[in-house]
Amino acid sequence: MTEQNAIADYLKYTGKKSFNFTTALIDMDGVLFDSMKNHTRAWVKLMKKNGIKCTRDEFYMYEGMTGRDIIKMKFKNGAGKNVTDDEAQALYKVKTRYFTELGDVDVIPGTLEVLKALKEAGIKCVLVTGSGTHAMLDRIDTEYPEIFDEQRVTAADVKRGKPNPEPYLKAMAKINAQPNECIVLENAPLGVQAGHTAGCFTVGVTTGPIPEKDMYKAGADMVYKDMATMLEALPQLMEAFKNA
C-alpha cells in the first residue's frame, strides 16, 4: 500500500474532504525509548512472584494499557483475585522498581530524526502515553530536546488507557486539534486501536516482536518496519498529505 492510497482510504473511511496535517501524537515506550524489553521482564517478575503464569510476549500485546488495568486483568484471570485500586497501585510500584533496577534503556534509533523532520515541517509533536514511569518521562526533554509541546498526556491524565481512545481524545482536546489534523505514531496494537478509534491517521512502527499484520488488524493506516524506514518515506508521506 502506498502513502497516497492509504490517505485516500482514510479520507473515504472518515468522509473528510481534506486532511490538514498539523499535529503528531507520539507514544513513548517502543517509540521514543527501547524500553519494552525491560518492561516485559519486570512484568514477568512481578507476576511470577505472585504465582501467576505468563510470558514476556503477551506483555508486548498489552502495551498501552495502564499498569492498573494490566494488574487487575492478570490477577483476575491468572489467580482469580479481584484487585482493588490501592492494591494495584502498590503492585505497580513494585513493578516500577523492578523496571528501574534493570537500568537505563536506549532511545529508539531514528526516532529523533523523524521528530526533527516533523518539527522542521511545522508539525506540533505531542506526547501521548499510558505510562507513569518517571524514569522514562524525566528523560524526554534531555533525549528529545525542543521536540514536544508542553501539553502532554500521561497515566496521570487518563482513567481509561489504550485501547480506549481517551488518551488521544484528551490530547486533542488539550491542544484544540481535530482528528483530521492528527497522525498517531504507535508501536503496538492497543495503541494503534486507540488512535484509529479516535479518528486519527494512525501509523504503526514495528520496533518490537509484534507482526506487521497485527498492526493492520488493529486499524493502522500504514506500518513501517522501523524508524529509519519511516524517515526515508516521510517526504513522500508529507507530500501525499499536502495533496490530499
Protein backbone atom coordinates (compact mmCIF):
# COMPACT_ATOMS: atom_id res chain seq x y z
CA MET A 1 0.00 0.00 0.00
CA THR A 2 1.38 3.39 -0.98
CA GLU A 3 1.14 6.51 1.15
CA GLN A 4 -1.24 8.06 -1.37
CA ASN A 5 -3.55 5.01 -1.32
CA ALA A 6 -3.52 4.89 2.47
CA ILE A 7 -4.54 8.54 2.70
CA ALA A 8 -7.24 8.06 0.09
CA ASP A 9 -8.60 5.12 2.09
CA TYR A 10 -8.51 7.23 5.24
CA LEU A 11 -10.42 10.09 3.65
CA LYS A 12 -13.00 7.69 2.22
CA TYR A 13 -13.45 6.00 5.60
CA THR A 14 -13.90 9.21 7.57
CA GLY A 15 -15.87 11.11 4.95
CA LYS A 16 -13.42 14.00 5.33
CA LYS A 17 -12.78 16.08 2.23
CA SER A 18 -9.34 17.15 3.32
CA PHE A 19 -6.61 16.30 5.78
CA ASN A 20 -4.93 19.33 7.33
CA PHE A 21 -1.90 17.67 8.94
CA THR A 22 -0.73 19.90 11.79
CA THR A 23 -0.05 17.57 14.72
CA ALA A 24 1.73 14.30 15.53
CA LEU A 25 0.58 12.41 18.62
CA ILE A 26 3.51 10.28 19.80
CA ASP A 27 3.60 7.25 22.10
CA MET A 28 6.60 6.79 24.42
CA ASP A 29 7.55 3.15 25.16
CA GLY A 30 8.73 1.47 21.99
CA VAL A 31 8.59 4.72 20.01
CA LEU A 32 10.87 7.09 21.92
CA PHE A 33 12.67 4.52 24.06
CA ASP A 34 13.62 0.87 23.57
CA SER A 35 12.03 0.17 26.93
CA MET A 36 9.57 -2.63 26.22
CA LYS A 37 12.15 -5.40 26.69
CA ASN A 38 12.71 -4.21 30.28
CA HIS A 39 9.03 -3.56 30.90
CA THR A 40 8.21 -7.13 29.86
CA ARG A 41 10.93 -8.55 32.13
CA ALA A 42 9.63 -6.50 35.05
CA TRP A 43 6.05 -7.60 34.43
CA VAL A 44 7.02 -11.27 34.27
CA LYS A 45 8.98 -10.98 37.52
CA LEU A 46 6.02 -9.34 39.28
CA MET A 47 3.56 -11.96 38.07
CA LYS A 48 5.76 -14.93 38.88
CA LYS A 49 6.39 -13.56 42.37
CA ASN A 50 2.62 -13.68 42.80
CA GLY A 51 2.19 -17.16 41.33
CA ILE A 52 0.71 -16.04 38.01
CA LYS A 53 1.82 -17.78 34.83
CA CYS A 54 2.69 -15.53 31.89
CA THR A 55 5.08 -14.98 29.01
CA ARG A 56 7.10 -11.93 28.01
CA ASP A 57 5.48 -11.75 24.57
CA GLU A 58 1.99 -11.24 25.96
CA PHE A 59 3.06 -8.01 27.65
CA TYR A 60 4.08 -6.55 24.29
CA MET A 61 0.43 -7.04 23.32
CA TYR A 62 -0.76 -5.25 26.48
CA GLU A 63 1.48 -2.24 25.83
CA GLY A 64 -0.60 0.92 26.04
CA MET A 65 -2.87 -0.27 28.84
CA THR A 66 -2.43 1.39 32.20
CA GLY A 67 -0.44 -0.58 34.75
CA ARG A 68 -3.53 -0.70 36.95
CA ASP A 69 -5.57 -2.36 34.22
CA ILE A 70 -2.87 -4.90 33.41
CA ILE A 71 -2.57 -5.89 37.07
CA LYS A 72 -6.32 -6.19 37.55
CA MET A 73 -6.69 -8.28 34.39
CA LYS A 74 -3.80 -10.65 35.12
CA PHE A 75 -4.69 -11.19 38.79
CA LYS A 76 -8.34 -11.83 37.85
CA ASN A 77 -7.55 -14.22 35.00
CA GLY A 78 -4.41 -15.81 36.45
CA ALA A 79 -5.24 -16.02 40.15
CA GLY A 80 -8.99 -15.49 40.36
CA LYS A 81 -8.40 -12.44 42.55
CA ASN A 82 -10.13 -9.08 42.33
CA VAL A 83 -7.52 -6.39 43.00
CA THR A 84 -8.55 -3.03 44.43
CA ASP A 85 -7.19 0.23 43.05
CA ASP A 86 -4.98 0.66 46.12
CA GLU A 87 -3.60 -2.87 45.77
CA ALA A 88 -2.97 -2.32 42.07
CA GLN A 89 -1.11 0.91 42.82
CA ALA A 90 1.10 -0.86 45.36
CA LEU A 91 1.83 -3.71 42.95
CA TYR A 92 2.61 -1.24 40.17
CA LYS A 93 5.18 0.45 42.41
CA VAL A 94 6.89 -2.94 42.81
CA LYS A 95 6.84 -3.47 39.05
CA THR A 96 8.31 0.02 38.54
CA ARG A 97 11.12 -0.81 40.98
CA TYR A 98 11.90 -3.98 39.04
CA PHE A 99 11.97 -1.95 35.83
CA THR A 100 14.30 0.68 37.31
CA GLU A 101 16.66 -2.00 38.64
CA LEU A 102 17.21 -3.22 35.07
CA GLY A 103 18.98 0.08 34.25
CA ASP A 104 18.61 2.76 31.62
CA VAL A 105 17.29 1.92 28.19
CA ASP A 106 18.39 3.28 24.82
CA VAL A 107 16.43 5.58 22.58
CA ILE A 108 14.85 4.01 19.50
CA PRO A 109 17.23 4.54 16.55
CA GLY A 110 15.88 7.04 14.04
CA THR A 111 13.08 8.47 16.18
CA LEU A 112 14.85 11.75 16.90
CA GLU A 113 15.48 12.27 13.19
CA VAL A 114 11.81 11.59 12.36
CA LEU A 115 10.61 14.03 15.02
CA LYS A 116 13.10 16.69 13.96
CA ALA A 117 11.85 16.38 10.39
CA LEU A 118 8.26 16.78 11.58
CA LYS A 119 9.14 19.86 13.65
CA GLU A 120 11.04 21.41 10.75
CA ALA A 121 7.91 20.93 8.64
CA GLY A 122 5.91 22.90 11.23
CA ILE A 123 4.21 19.88 12.79
CA LYS A 124 3.41 20.07 16.50
CA CYS A 125 4.57 16.97 18.43
CA VAL A 126 2.57 15.92 21.49
CA LEU A 127 3.35 13.06 23.88
CA VAL A 128 0.50 10.61 24.49
CA THR A 129 1.40 7.70 26.76
CA GLY A 130 -0.36 5.49 29.27
CA SER A 131 2.86 5.27 31.24
CA GLY A 132 3.56 6.94 34.55
CA THR A 133 7.17 5.74 34.79
CA HIS A 134 9.10 8.83 35.87
CA ALA A 135 12.44 7.24 35.00
CA MET A 136 11.34 7.48 31.36
CA LEU A 137 9.23 10.64 31.42
CA ASP A 138 12.04 12.62 33.05
CA ARG A 139 14.41 11.77 30.16
CA ILE A 140 12.22 13.02 27.33
CA ASP A 141 13.40 16.63 27.22
CA THR A 142 17.04 15.51 27.50
CA GLU A 143 16.90 12.89 24.77
CA TYR A 144 14.40 14.79 22.58
CA PRO A 145 15.19 18.46 23.22
CA GLU A 146 12.76 21.08 21.91
CA ILE A 147 10.57 18.44 20.28
CA PHE A 148 7.44 18.13 22.38
CA ASP A 149 4.65 20.54 23.03
CA GLU A 150 4.21 21.43 26.70
CA GLN A 151 0.77 19.80 26.66
CA ARG A 152 1.29 16.08 27.32
CA VAL A 153 -0.92 13.15 28.23
CA THR A 154 0.39 10.51 30.65
CA ALA A 155 -1.07 7.92 33.01
CA ALA A 156 -1.88 10.73 35.44
CA ASP A 157 -4.34 12.22 32.93
CA VAL A 158 -6.40 9.19 31.92
CA LYS A 159 -8.89 6.89 33.60
CA ARG A 160 -9.13 4.52 30.68
CA GLY A 161 -5.92 3.53 28.97
CA LYS A 162 -5.44 2.25 25.45
CA PRO A 163 -7.15 0.63 23.52
CA ASN A 164 -9.77 3.12 24.71
CA PRO A 165 -9.36 6.30 22.62
CA GLU A 166 -9.48 8.51 25.74
CA PRO A 167 -5.70 9.31 25.76
CA TYR A 168 -5.83 10.61 22.19
CA LEU A 169 -9.14 12.39 22.66
CA LYS A 170 -7.72 14.12 25.74
CA ALA A 171 -4.59 15.13 23.84
CA MET A 172 -6.62 16.64 21.01
CA ALA A 173 -8.84 18.48 23.50
CA LYS A 174 -5.79 19.93 25.26
CA ILE A 175 -4.36 21.41 22.07
CA ASN A 176 -7.68 22.14 20.35
CA ALA A 177 -6.96 19.83 17.42
CA GLN A 178 -9.34 17.75 15.31
CA PRO A 179 -8.79 14.11 14.23
CA ASN A 180 -8.32 15.13 10.60
CA GLU A 181 -5.35 17.25 11.70
CA CYS A 182 -3.51 14.49 13.54
CA ILE A 183 -1.43 11.44 12.86
CA VAL A 184 -0.71 8.95 15.64
CA LEU A 185 2.63 7.14 15.93
CA GLU A 186 2.43 3.83 17.83
CA ASN A 187 4.33 0.57 18.22
CA ALA A 188 1.68 -1.85 19.50
CA PRO A 189 -1.85 -2.94 18.54
CA LEU A 190 -3.69 -1.46 21.54
CA GLY A 191 -2.21 1.96 20.89
CA VAL A 192 -2.95 1.66 17.19
CA GLN A 193 -6.55 0.74 18.02
CA ALA A 194 -6.84 3.78 20.31
CA GLY A 195 -5.55 6.15 17.63
CA HIS A 196 -7.76 4.61 14.96
CA THR A 197 -10.86 4.78 17.15
CA ALA A 198 -10.09 8.41 17.94
CA GLY A 199 -10.36 9.08 14.20
CA CYS A 200 -6.71 9.89 13.52
CA PHE A 201 -4.49 8.70 10.68
CA THR A 202 -2.53 6.02 12.55
CA VAL A 203 0.99 4.83 11.79
CA GLY A 204 2.44 1.68 13.33
CA VAL A 205 6.18 1.06 13.64
CA THR A 206 7.29 -2.49 14.44
CA THR A 207 10.10 -1.72 16.87
CA GLY A 208 9.33 -4.91 18.84
CA PRO A 209 8.32 -8.50 18.04
CA ILE A 210 4.70 -7.74 17.09
CA PRO A 211 4.00 -8.72 13.46
CA GLU A 212 3.01 -6.06 10.96
CA LYS A 213 -0.28 -7.85 10.28
CA ASP A 214 -1.37 -7.32 13.89
CA MET A 215 -0.89 -3.59 13.47
CA TYR A 216 -3.12 -3.54 10.41
CA LYS A 217 -5.73 -5.68 12.18
CA ALA A 218 -5.81 -3.09 14.97
CA GLY A 219 -6.55 -0.32 12.46
CA ALA A 220 -3.17 1.03 11.31
CA ASP A 221 -3.35 3.07 8.10
CA MET A 222 0.35 2.49 7.48
CA VAL A 223 3.04 0.32 9.07
CA TYR A 224 6.83 0.80 8.86
CA LYS A 225 9.35 -1.83 9.90
CA ASP A 226 11.48 0.71 11.80
CA MET A 227 12.04 4.43 12.24
CA ALA A 228 14.73 4.57 9.58
CA THR A 229 12.20 3.32 7.04
CA MET A 230 9.66 5.88 8.19
CA LEU A 231 12.25 8.65 7.92
CA GLU A 232 13.01 7.61 4.35
CA ALA A 233 9.31 7.60 3.44
CA LEU A 234 8.44 10.80 5.33
CA PRO A 235 8.87 13.27 2.42
CA GLN A 236 6.50 11.19 0.28
CA LEU A 237 4.05 10.89 3.14
CA MET A 238 4.11 14.65 3.81
CA GLU A 239 3.61 15.37 0.11
CA ALA A 240 0.68 12.96 -0.04
CA PHE A 241 -0.97 14.69 2.90
CA LYS A 242 -0.39 18.07 1.30
CA ASN A 243 -2.15 16.95 -1.90
CA ALA A 244 -4.97 15.01 -0.24
